[in-house]
Amino acid sequence: MFNGNGLFSKKEDLLRKDPKTNASGPAAAPTGQLPSSPAQSAHPAPTPTRVPEGKGSKLIVGPDIKLKGVEITDCDTLVVEGRVEASMDSRVIQIAEQGMFQGTAGIDVAEIHGRFEGELTVRKQLVIHATGKVTGKIRYGKLTIEEGGELSGEVGTLAASDSLARKEQRATLPGAKLPVAGMV
């Protein structure tokens, strides 16, 4: 096949001078081969540890990307760096400073650095950072707004909206007797 410095070099070619150290001796073992010397294998290189990024699925809409007219399902974390016009129900939404989400979202935790417009229900924690702007119909469990962050529209806690919904539901229950005009 190849001779000399080609891809398929002979084992003897590995015993040439190491170009990095200019010292004689075995060169670094090719990928996938272990060193044959006991002294070299006494202190193996540490295996890089992988830090878990969290469980579940993650969708990242990068900068300059526009995702329009969709329903996002089975997504645990949505990261918005571009523009999203959608409806979704998820665990976490993170909107970057240049990002924008427009539509309807039911979320456990929302972290807003950019813009959100529409209907937002945050079951646990809504965090609006200094560069964040949230407008529309907003319901939340807990709320944190940094100085400079904006929140406007129809805003309320989940507890208040739940009690209002229960009152409305009781008024329209089947079998409820409501006065009817013109009947005697």
C-alpha atoms as a PDB file:
ATOM      1  CA  MET A   1       0.000   0.000   0.000  1.00  0.00           C
ATOM      2  CA  PHE A   2       1.722   3.183   1.219  1.00  0.00           C
ATOM      3  CA  ASN A   3       5.415   3.232   2.045  1.00  0.00           C
ATOM      4  CA  GLY A   4       7.381   5.468   4.394  1.00  0.00           C
ATOM      5  CA  ASN A   5       5.193   8.168   5.935  1.00  0.00           C
ATOM      6  CA  GLY A   6       1.919   6.929   4.443  1.00  0.00           C
ATOM      7  CA  LEU A   7      -1.195   5.906   6.326  1.00  0.00           C
ATOM      8  CA  PHE A   8      -0.133   2.292   6.734  1.00  0.00           C
ATOM      9  CA  SER A   9       3.301   2.642   8.342  1.00  0.00           C
ATOM     10  CA  LYS A  10       5.176  -0.280   9.788  1.00  0.00           C
ATOM     11  CA  LYS A  11       5.614  -0.885  13.511  1.00  0.00           C
ATOM     12  CA  GLU A  12       9.291   0.044  13.217  1.00  0.00           C
ATOM     13  CA  ASP A  13       8.300   3.507  12.022  1.00  0.00           C
ATOM     14  CA  LEU A  14       6.776   4.168  15.439  1.00  0.00           C
ATOM     15  CA  LEU A  15      10.244   3.933  17.008  1.00  0.00           C
ATOM     16  CA  ARG A  16      11.514   7.025  15.179  1.00  0.00           C
ATOM     17  CA  LYS A  17      12.339  10.329  16.843  1.00  0.00           C
ATOM     18  CA  ASP A  18       9.359  12.035  18.403  1.00  0.00           C
ATOM     19  CA  PRO A  19       8.942  15.347  16.519  1.00  0.00           C
ATOM     20  CA  LYS A  20       7.523  17.110  19.577  1.00  0.00           C
ATOM     21  CA  THR A  21      10.359  16.304  21.977  1.00  0.00           C
ATOM     22  CA  ASN A  22      13.096  15.473  19.428  1.00  0.00           C
ATOM     23  CA  ALA A  23      14.026  12.534  21.650  1.00  0.00           C
ATOM     24  CA  SER A  24      14.621   8.968  20.553  1.00  0.00           C
ATOM     25  CA  GLY A  25      12.216   6.316  21.687  1.00  0.00           C
ATOM     26  CA  PRO A  26       8.693   5.241  21.024  1.00  0.00           C
ATOM     27  CA  ALA A  27       6.414   7.880  19.620  1.00  0.00           C
ATOM     28  CA  ALA A  28       2.943   8.343  20.970  1.00  0.00           C
ATOM     29  CA  ALA A  29       0.770   5.307  20.456  1.00  0.00           C
ATOM     30  CA  PRO A  30      -1.729   5.661  17.627  1.00  0.00           C
ATOM     31  CA  THR A  31      -5.356   6.151  18.602  1.00  0.00           C
ATOM     32  CA  GLY A  32      -6.953   2.957  19.803  1.00  0.00           C
ATOM     33  CA  GLN A  33      -3.654   1.293  20.861  1.00  0.00           C
ATOM     34  CA  LEU A  34      -2.392   1.065  24.410  1.00  0.00           C
ATOM     35  CA  PRO A  35       1.281   1.617  25.259  1.00  0.00           C
ATOM     36  CA  SER A  36       3.192  -1.623  25.559  1.00  0.00           C
ATOM     37  CA  SER A  37       5.658  -0.493  28.225  1.00  0.00           C
ATOM     38  CA  PRO A  38       4.669  -1.238  31.856  1.00  0.00           C
ATOM     39  CA  ALA A  39       6.096   2.127  32.938  1.00  0.00           C
ATOM     40  CA  GLN A  40       3.816   3.951  30.540  1.00  0.00           C
ATOM     41  CA  SER A  41       0.700   2.074  31.593  1.00  0.00           C
ATOM     42  CA  ALA A  42       1.297   2.588  35.341  1.00  0.00           C
ATOM     43  CA  HIS A  43      -0.163   6.090  35.146  1.00  0.00           C
ATOM     44  CA  PRO A  44      -2.851   6.066  32.473  1.00  0.00           C
ATOM     45  CA  ALA A  45      -4.213   9.388  31.287  1.00  0.00           C
ATOM     46  CA  PRO A  46      -7.333  10.401  33.188  1.00  0.00           C
ATOM     47  CA  THR A  47     -10.568   9.719  31.384  1.00  0.00           C
ATOM     48  CA  PRO A  48     -12.520  12.928  30.844  1.00  0.00           C
ATOM     49  CA  THR A  49     -15.683  12.954  32.909  1.00  0.00           C
ATOM     50  CA  ARG A  50     -18.874  14.074  31.278  1.00  0.00           C
ATOM     51  CA  VAL A  51     -21.019  16.399  33.306  1.00  0.00           C
ATOM     52  CA  PRO A  52     -24.678  15.475  32.860  1.00  0.00           C
ATOM     53  CA  GLU A  53     -26.635  18.314  31.286  1.00  0.00           C
ATOM     54  CA  GLY A  54     -29.917  17.188  32.709  1.00  0.00           C
ATOM     55  CA  LYS A  55     -32.399  14.590  31.678  1.00  0.00           C
ATOM     56  CA  GLY A  56     -34.893  14.920  28.912  1.00  0.00           C
ATOM     57  CA  SER A  57     -35.075  16.394  25.467  1.00  0.00           C
ATOM     58  CA  LYS A  58     -33.771  19.824  24.549  1.00  0.00           C
ATOM     59  CA  LEU A  59     -34.567  21.968  21.509  1.00  0.00           C
ATOM     60  CA  ILE A  60     -32.320  24.912  20.668  1.00  0.00           C
ATOM     61  CA  VAL A  61     -33.567  27.443  18.144  1.00  0.00           C
ATOM     62  CA  GLY A  62     -30.347  29.221  17.232  1.00  0.00           C
ATOM     63  CA  PRO A  63     -29.813  32.841  16.275  1.00  0.00           C
ATOM     64  CA  ASP A  64     -31.128  33.826  12.829  1.00  0.00           C
ATOM     65  CA  ILE A  65     -33.578  30.862  12.925  1.00  0.00           C
ATOM     66  CA  LYS A  66     -37.328  31.459  12.674  1.00  0.00           C
ATOM     67  CA  LEU A  67     -39.672  28.634  13.692  1.00  0.00           C
ATOM     68  CA  LYS A  68     -43.265  29.532  12.825  1.00  0.00           C
ATOM     69  CA  GLY A  69     -46.690  27.913  13.107  1.00  0.00           C
ATOM     70  CA  VAL A  70     -45.818  24.801  15.072  1.00  0.00           C
ATOM     71  CA  GLU A  71     -46.899  22.973  18.182  1.00  0.00           C
ATOM     72  CA  ILE A  72     -43.883  21.894  20.198  1.00  0.00           C
ATOM     73  CA  THR A  73     -44.478  18.643  22.087  1.00  0.00           C
ATOM     74  CA  ASP A  74     -42.341  16.238  24.107  1.00  0.00           C
ATOM     75  CA  CYS A  75     -39.666  18.883  24.657  1.00  0.00           C
ATOM     76  CA  ASP A  76     -38.357  19.242  28.199  1.00  0.00           C
ATOM     77  CA  THR A  77     -36.273  22.377  27.559  1.00  0.00           C
ATOM     78  CA  LEU A  78     -36.671  24.967  24.818  1.00  0.00           C
ATOM     79  CA  VAL A  79     -33.826  27.437  24.291  1.00  0.00           C
ATOM     80  CA  VAL A  80     -34.818  30.373  22.076  1.00  0.00           C
ATOM     81  CA  GLU A  81     -31.988  32.363  20.540  1.00  0.00           C
ATOM     82  CA  GLY A  82     -33.901  33.191  17.343  1.00  0.00           C
ATOM     83  CA  ARG A  83     -37.650  33.650  16.845  1.00  0.00           C
ATOM     84  CA  VAL A  84     -40.369  31.101  17.660  1.00  0.00           C
ATOM     85  CA  GLU A  85     -44.082  31.469  16.894  1.00  0.00           C
ATOM     86  CA  ALA A  86     -45.675  28.390  18.419  1.00  0.00           C
ATOM     87  CA  SER A  87     -47.701  26.770  21.149  1.00  0.00           C
ATOM     88  CA  MET A  88     -46.071  24.459  23.622  1.00  0.00           C
ATOM     89  CA  ASP A  89     -46.251  22.732  26.976  1.00  0.00           C
ATOM     90  CA  SER A  90     -42.862  22.035  28.500  1.00  0.00           C
ATOM     91  CA  ARG A  91     -40.780  21.995  31.652  1.00  0.00           C
ATOM     92  CA  VAL A  92     -38.335  24.835  30.925  1.00  0.00           C
ATOM     93  CA  ILE A  93     -38.089  27.717  28.477  1.00  0.00           C
ATOM     94  CA  GLN A  94     -35.012  29.913  28.228  1.00  0.00           C
ATOM     95  CA  ILE A  95     -35.225  32.942  25.971  1.00  0.00           C
ATOM     96  CA  ALA A  96     -31.859  34.508  25.163  1.00  0.00           C
ATOM     97  CA  GLU A  97     -31.373  38.267  24.964  1.00  0.00           C
ATOM     98  CA  GLN A  98     -31.871  38.310  21.170  1.00  0.00           C
ATOM     99  CA  GLY A  99     -34.559  35.608  21.293  1.00  0.00           C
ATOM    100  CA  MET A 100     -38.309  36.018  20.971  1.00  0.00           C
ATOM    101  CA  PHE A 101     -41.218  33.650  21.601  1.00  0.00           C
ATOM    102  CA  GLN A 102     -44.688  34.555  20.392  1.00  0.00           C
ATOM    103  CA  GLY A 103     -47.655  32.305  21.128  1.00  0.00           C
ATOM    104  CA  THR A 104     -48.980  30.164  23.962  1.00  0.00           C
ATOM    105  CA  ALA A 105     -46.812  28.336  26.479  1.00  0.00           C
ATOM    106  CA  GLY A 106     -47.445  26.250  29.588  1.00  0.00           C
ATOM    107  CA  ILE A 107     -44.122  25.971  31.430  1.00  0.00           C
ATOM    108  CA  ASP A 108     -42.777  24.877  34.815  1.00  0.00           C
ATOM    109  CA  VAL A 109     -39.850  27.343  34.795  1.00  0.00           C
ATOM    110  CA  ALA A 110     -39.363  30.311  32.443  1.00  0.00           C
ATOM    111  CA  GLU A 111     -36.172  32.350  32.250  1.00  0.00           C
ATOM    112  CA  ILE A 112     -36.577  35.396  30.023  1.00  0.00           C
ATOM    113  CA  HIS A 113     -33.640  37.499  28.823  1.00  0.00           C
ATOM    114  CA  GLY A 114     -35.342  38.414  25.527  1.00  0.00           C
ATOM    115  CA  ARG A 115     -39.032  38.849  24.642  1.00  0.00           C
ATOM    116  CA  PHE A 116     -42.181  36.828  25.172  1.00  0.00           C
ATOM    117  CA  GLU A 117     -45.520  37.875  23.649  1.00  0.00           C
ATOM    118  CA  GLY A 118     -48.735  35.941  24.102  1.00  0.00           C
ATOM    119  CA  GLU A 119     -50.235  33.687  26.726  1.00  0.00           C
ATOM    120  CA  LEU A 120     -47.773  32.377  29.314  1.00  0.00           C
ATOM    121  CA  THR A 121     -48.604  30.067  32.198  1.00  0.00           C
ATOM    122  CA  VAL A 122     -45.635  29.368  34.456  1.00  0.00           C
ATOM    123  CA  ARG A 123     -46.511  26.716  37.004  1.00  0.00           C
ATOM    124  CA  LYS A 124     -43.466  27.247  39.235  1.00  0.00           C
ATOM    125  CA  GLN A 125     -41.006  30.117  38.666  1.00  0.00           C
ATOM    126  CA  LEU A 126     -40.997  33.007  36.177  1.00  0.00           C
ATOM    127  CA  VAL A 127     -37.715  34.935  36.039  1.00  0.00           C
ATOM    128  CA  ILE A 128     -37.525  38.100  33.948  1.00  0.00           C
ATOM    129  CA  HIS A 129     -33.978  39.408  33.650  1.00  0.00           C
ATOM    130  CA  ALA A 130     -32.979  43.046  33.156  1.00  0.00           C
ATOM    131  CA  THR A 131     -33.149  42.736  29.359  1.00  0.00           C
ATOM    132  CA  GLY A 132     -36.386  40.699  29.396  1.00  0.00           C
ATOM    133  CA  LYS A 133     -39.797  41.888  28.268  1.00  0.00           C
ATOM    134  CA  VAL A 134     -42.974  39.818  28.782  1.00  0.00           C
ATOM    135  CA  THR A 135     -46.348  40.970  27.464  1.00  0.00           C
ATOM    136  CA  GLY A 136     -49.760  39.329  27.192  1.00  0.00           C
ATOM    137  CA  LYS A 137     -51.837  37.142  29.490  1.00  0.00           C
ATOM    138  CA  ILE A 138     -49.407  35.987  32.168  1.00  0.00           C
ATOM    139  CA  ARG A 139     -50.033  33.546  35.027  1.00  0.00           C
ATOM    140  CA  TYR A 140     -47.282  32.425  37.369  1.00  0.00           C
ATOM    141  CA  GLY A 141     -46.553  30.526  40.579  1.00  0.00           C
ATOM    142  CA  LYS A 142     -43.607  32.656  41.735  1.00  0.00           C
ATOM    143  CA  LEU A 143     -42.205  35.763  40.061  1.00  0.00           C
ATOM    144  CA  THR A 144     -38.767  37.400  39.999  1.00  0.00           C
ATOM    145  CA  ILE A 145     -38.090  40.541  37.969  1.00  0.00           C
ATOM    146  CA  GLU A 146     -34.643  42.100  37.811  1.00  0.00           C
ATOM    147  CA  GLU A 147     -34.344  45.873  37.669  1.00  0.00           C
ATOM    148  CA  GLY A 148     -34.983  46.855  34.054  1.00  0.00           C
ATOM    149  CA  GLY A 149     -37.126  43.812  33.271  1.00  0.00           C
ATOM    150  CA  GLU A 150     -40.648  44.501  31.968  1.00  0.00           C
ATOM    151  CA  LEU A 151     -43.962  42.730  32.576  1.00  0.00           C
ATOM    152  CA  SER A 152     -47.213  44.036  31.108  1.00  0.00           C
ATOM    153  CA  GLY A 153     -50.671  42.849  30.157  1.00  0.00           C
ATOM    154  CA  GLU A 154     -53.160  40.761  32.110  1.00  0.00           C
ATOM    155  CA  VAL A 155     -50.963  39.499  34.940  1.00  0.00           C
ATOM    156  CA  GLY A 156     -51.899  37.312  37.884  1.00  0.00           C
ATOM    157  CA  THR A 157     -50.847  34.441  40.087  1.00  0.00           C
ATOM    158  CA  LEU A 158     -51.962  30.908  39.382  1.00  0.00           C
ATOM    159  CA  ALA A 159     -53.732  30.746  42.728  1.00  0.00           C
ATOM    160  CA  ALA A 160     -55.883  33.785  41.858  1.00  0.00           C
ATOM    161  CA  SER A 161     -56.699  32.518  38.371  1.00  0.00           C
ATOM    162  CA  ASP A 162     -57.539  29.047  39.736  1.00  0.00           C
ATOM    163  CA  SER A 163     -60.047  30.447  42.239  1.00  0.00           C
ATOM    164  CA  LEU A 164     -61.626  32.646  39.540  1.00  0.00           C
ATOM    165  CA  ALA A 165     -61.929  29.648  37.219  1.00  0.00           C
ATOM    166  CA  ARG A 166     -63.603  27.637  39.982  1.00  0.00           C
ATOM    167  CA  LYS A 167     -66.149  30.421  40.584  1.00  0.00           C
ATOM    168  CA  GLU A 168     -66.950  30.591  36.872  1.00  0.00           C
ATOM    169  CA  GLN A 169     -67.244  26.801  36.684  1.00  0.00           C
ATOM    170  CA  ARG A 170     -69.703  26.677  39.603  1.00  0.00           C
ATOM    171  CA  ALA A 171     -71.918  29.268  37.901  1.00  0.00           C
ATOM    172  CA  THR A 172     -72.173  27.167  34.731  1.00  0.00           C
ATOM    173  CA  LEU A 173     -72.561  23.686  36.226  1.00  0.00           C
ATOM    174  CA  PRO A 174     -75.267  21.509  34.618  1.00  0.00           C
ATOM    175  CA  GLY A 175     -78.427  21.466  36.697  1.00  0.00           C
ATOM    176  CA  ALA A 176     -77.838  24.902  38.141  1.00  0.00           C
ATOM    177  CA  LYS A 177     -81.087  26.837  38.255  1.00  0.00           C
ATOM    178  CA  LEU A 178     -80.830  30.199  36.617  1.00  0.00           C
ATOM    179  CA  PRO A 179     -83.737  32.620  36.321  1.00  0.00           C
ATOM    180  CA  VAL A 180     -85.386  32.585  32.908  1.00  0.00           C
ATOM    181  CA  ALA A 181     -87.113  35.721  31.647  1.00  0.00           C
ATOM    182  CA  GLY A 182     -90.786  35.501  30.638  1.00  0.00           C
ATOM    183  CA  MET A 183     -91.579  32.308  32.571  1.00  0.00           C
ATOM    184  CA  VAL A 184     -94.064  32.236  35.402  1.00  0.00           C
END
